[in-house]
Amino acid sequence: MEIEKKMAQLGIHLPEVAKPVASYVPAVISGNLVFVSGNVALIEGRLVAKGRLGEDVPEERGYECARIAALTCLAAVKSVIHDLDRVRRIIRVTGFVRSAPGFDRQPFVVNGASDVLLEIFGEAGKHSRLAIGTNELPLGAPVEIEMIVEIKP
């Protein structure tokens, strides 16, 4: 439980695993990979923010939403592997950013997810990434994060 001790020292706490809003599961293990469904920023079941980046949601708030959504992804990982010390590496993060026309700072918003993964896992938190602007996301959320994680046997 070294990773969770480190998280506690950093003041980082995992939220509850998000309940699916449709027909899917939060995470699936295939071989040594965990595929995590998309997560939005929820605290106690409520959206942290609603709206579009560059319109009603400031970039800093979008960054925070990406961070919270990434932590929710980690909660989903933990729900299927039971111990975050089994994480070998974060392989890929995909971030969807609900963007107003002309908003082109999606990579900076998705840094909220990337930065928290680096804080927690260090070198093993370095990952490939995709940051995509989109016009709509579930529940009106400004950011959705999904990831692929390699685990130890």
Protein backbone atom coordinates (compact mmCIF):
# COMPACT_ATOMS: atom_id res chain seq x y z
CA MET A 1 0.00 0.00 0.00
CA GLU A 2 2.94 2.32 -0.63
CA ILE A 3 1.13 4.26 -3.36
CA GLU A 4 -1.81 4.94 -1.07
CA LYS A 5 0.57 6.09 1.69
CA LYS A 6 2.21 8.45 -0.80
CA MET A 7 -1.22 9.73 -1.85
CA ALA A 8 -2.15 10.38 1.77
CA GLN A 9 1.11 12.31 2.28
CA LEU A 10 0.26 14.38 -0.81
CA GLY A 11 -3.27 15.00 0.49
CA ILE A 12 -4.76 13.11 -2.46
CA HIS A 13 -7.82 10.97 -1.80
CA LEU A 14 -9.68 8.73 -4.23
CA PRO A 15 -13.35 9.49 -4.73
CA GLU A 16 -15.98 6.77 -4.90
CA VAL A 17 -16.04 4.69 -8.06
CA ALA A 18 -18.51 6.40 -10.35
CA LYS A 19 -21.72 4.47 -10.94
CA PRO A 20 -22.22 3.87 -14.67
CA VAL A 21 -24.91 6.02 -16.27
CA ALA A 22 -25.46 3.51 -19.09
CA SER A 23 -24.67 -0.12 -19.98
CA TYR A 24 -20.97 -0.53 -19.13
CA VAL A 25 -18.63 -1.26 -16.22
CA PRO A 26 -16.10 1.16 -14.68
CA ALA A 27 -13.03 -0.93 -15.59
CA VAL A 28 -12.10 -4.19 -17.28
CA ILE A 29 -8.91 -6.24 -16.96
CA SER A 30 -7.56 -7.90 -20.10
CA GLY A 31 -4.22 -9.64 -19.62
CA ASN A 32 -1.96 -7.15 -17.87
CA LEU A 33 -3.98 -4.09 -18.89
CA VAL A 34 -6.85 -2.31 -17.21
CA PHE A 35 -9.14 -0.39 -19.55
CA VAL A 36 -11.00 2.33 -17.64
CA SER A 37 -14.28 3.77 -18.87
CA GLY A 38 -14.64 7.51 -19.26
CA ASN A 39 -15.15 9.46 -16.04
CA VAL A 40 -16.33 12.99 -15.41
CA ALA A 41 -15.55 15.05 -12.31
CA LEU A 42 -18.03 14.02 -9.64
CA ILE A 43 -17.82 14.65 -5.91
CA GLU A 44 -20.42 12.81 -3.83
CA GLY A 45 -22.32 12.03 -7.02
CA ARG A 46 -22.55 15.64 -8.19
CA LEU A 47 -20.79 17.30 -11.11
CA VAL A 48 -18.05 19.66 -10.05
CA ALA A 49 -18.84 21.94 -13.00
CA LYS A 50 -21.10 22.08 -16.05
CA GLY A 51 -20.57 23.85 -19.33
CA ARG A 52 -17.98 24.54 -22.00
CA LEU A 53 -14.37 25.57 -21.64
CA GLY A 54 -13.86 29.00 -23.12
CA GLU A 55 -17.50 29.88 -22.48
CA ASP A 56 -18.83 29.18 -18.96
CA VAL A 57 -15.98 27.14 -17.46
CA PRO A 58 -12.58 28.78 -16.88
CA GLU A 59 -9.48 26.83 -17.87
CA GLU A 60 -8.37 26.43 -14.24
CA ARG A 61 -11.72 24.82 -13.36
CA GLY A 62 -11.39 22.49 -16.34
CA TYR A 63 -7.91 21.51 -15.13
CA GLU A 64 -9.39 20.70 -11.70
CA CYS A 65 -12.16 18.64 -13.35
CA ALA A 66 -9.56 16.64 -15.31
CA ARG A 67 -7.66 15.99 -12.07
CA ILE A 68 -10.78 14.76 -10.25
CA ALA A 69 -11.84 12.61 -13.22
CA ALA A 70 -8.38 10.99 -13.33
CA LEU A 71 -8.64 10.19 -9.62
CA THR A 72 -12.04 8.63 -10.29
CA CYS A 73 -10.37 6.54 -13.00
CA LEU A 74 -7.82 5.38 -10.42
CA ALA A 75 -10.66 4.46 -8.07
CA ALA A 76 -12.05 2.29 -10.88
CA VAL A 77 -8.62 0.68 -11.35
CA LYS A 78 -8.41 -0.03 -7.62
CA SER A 79 -11.89 -1.57 -7.68
CA VAL A 80 -10.66 -4.32 -10.03
CA ILE A 81 -7.04 -4.80 -8.89
CA HIS A 82 -7.58 -3.99 -5.16
CA ASP A 83 -4.07 -2.58 -4.62
CA LEU A 84 -2.64 0.39 -6.50
CA ASP A 85 0.88 -0.94 -5.85
CA ARG A 86 0.08 -3.36 -8.69
CA VAL A 87 0.15 -0.46 -11.18
CA ARG A 88 3.24 -0.89 -13.32
CA ARG A 89 2.60 2.10 -15.57
CA ILE A 90 -0.05 4.47 -16.82
CA ILE A 91 -0.03 3.71 -20.54
CA ARG A 92 -2.52 6.12 -22.07
CA VAL A 93 -4.82 8.94 -21.03
CA THR A 94 -7.54 10.28 -23.27
CA GLY A 95 -9.17 13.56 -22.32
CA PHE A 96 -12.31 14.96 -23.89
CA VAL A 97 -12.87 18.66 -23.32
CA ARG A 98 -16.28 20.19 -23.97
CA SER A 99 -15.14 23.28 -25.84
CA ALA A 100 -16.69 26.52 -26.99
CA PRO A 101 -15.93 27.53 -30.59
CA GLY A 102 -12.38 28.84 -30.80
CA PHE A 103 -11.20 27.21 -27.55
CA ASP A 104 -7.92 25.44 -28.38
CA ARG A 105 -6.33 24.83 -24.99
CA GLN A 106 -7.52 21.25 -24.51
CA PRO A 107 -3.98 19.97 -23.77
CA PHE A 108 -3.63 22.41 -20.87
CA VAL A 109 -6.97 21.34 -19.41
CA VAL A 110 -6.08 17.62 -19.68
CA ASN A 111 -2.79 18.39 -17.88
CA GLY A 112 -4.94 18.23 -14.74
CA ALA A 113 -5.15 14.46 -15.24
CA SER A 114 -1.55 14.02 -16.35
CA ASP A 115 -0.09 16.09 -13.52
CA VAL A 116 -1.88 14.18 -10.75
CA LEU A 117 -0.79 10.83 -12.25
CA LEU A 118 2.82 12.05 -12.28
CA GLU A 119 2.52 13.23 -8.66
CA ILE A 120 1.26 9.82 -7.58
CA PHE A 121 3.29 7.42 -9.72
CA GLY A 122 6.39 9.42 -10.69
CA GLU A 123 8.13 7.87 -13.71
CA ALA A 124 5.46 5.16 -13.95
CA GLY A 125 2.87 7.91 -14.33
CA LYS A 126 4.34 9.15 -17.63
CA HIS A 127 1.94 8.20 -20.41
CA SER A 128 0.91 8.80 -23.97
CA ARG A 129 -2.07 11.10 -24.30
CA LEU A 130 -4.80 12.45 -26.48
CA ALA A 131 -6.66 15.70 -25.72
CA ILE A 132 -9.78 16.15 -27.83
CA GLY A 133 -12.18 19.08 -28.07
CA THR A 134 -15.85 18.11 -28.40
CA ASN A 135 -19.17 19.89 -28.42
CA GLU A 136 -20.99 17.74 -25.81
CA LEU A 137 -20.18 15.35 -22.96
CA PRO A 138 -22.36 13.25 -20.65
CA LEU A 139 -24.45 15.17 -18.11
CA GLY A 140 -23.10 18.47 -19.47
CA ALA A 141 -19.68 17.83 -17.93
CA PRO A 142 -16.79 20.00 -19.17
CA VAL A 143 -14.19 17.17 -19.11
CA GLU A 144 -14.17 13.37 -19.43
CA ILE A 145 -11.07 11.24 -18.84
CA GLU A 146 -10.37 7.59 -19.69
CA MET A 147 -7.17 5.61 -19.36
CA ILE A 148 -5.31 2.39 -19.96
CA VAL A 149 -3.12 1.09 -17.13
CA GLU A 150 -0.54 -1.71 -17.15
CA ILE A 151 -0.53 -3.84 -14.01
CA LYS A 152 1.85 -6.32 -12.38
CA PRO A 153 0.67 -9.94 -12.10
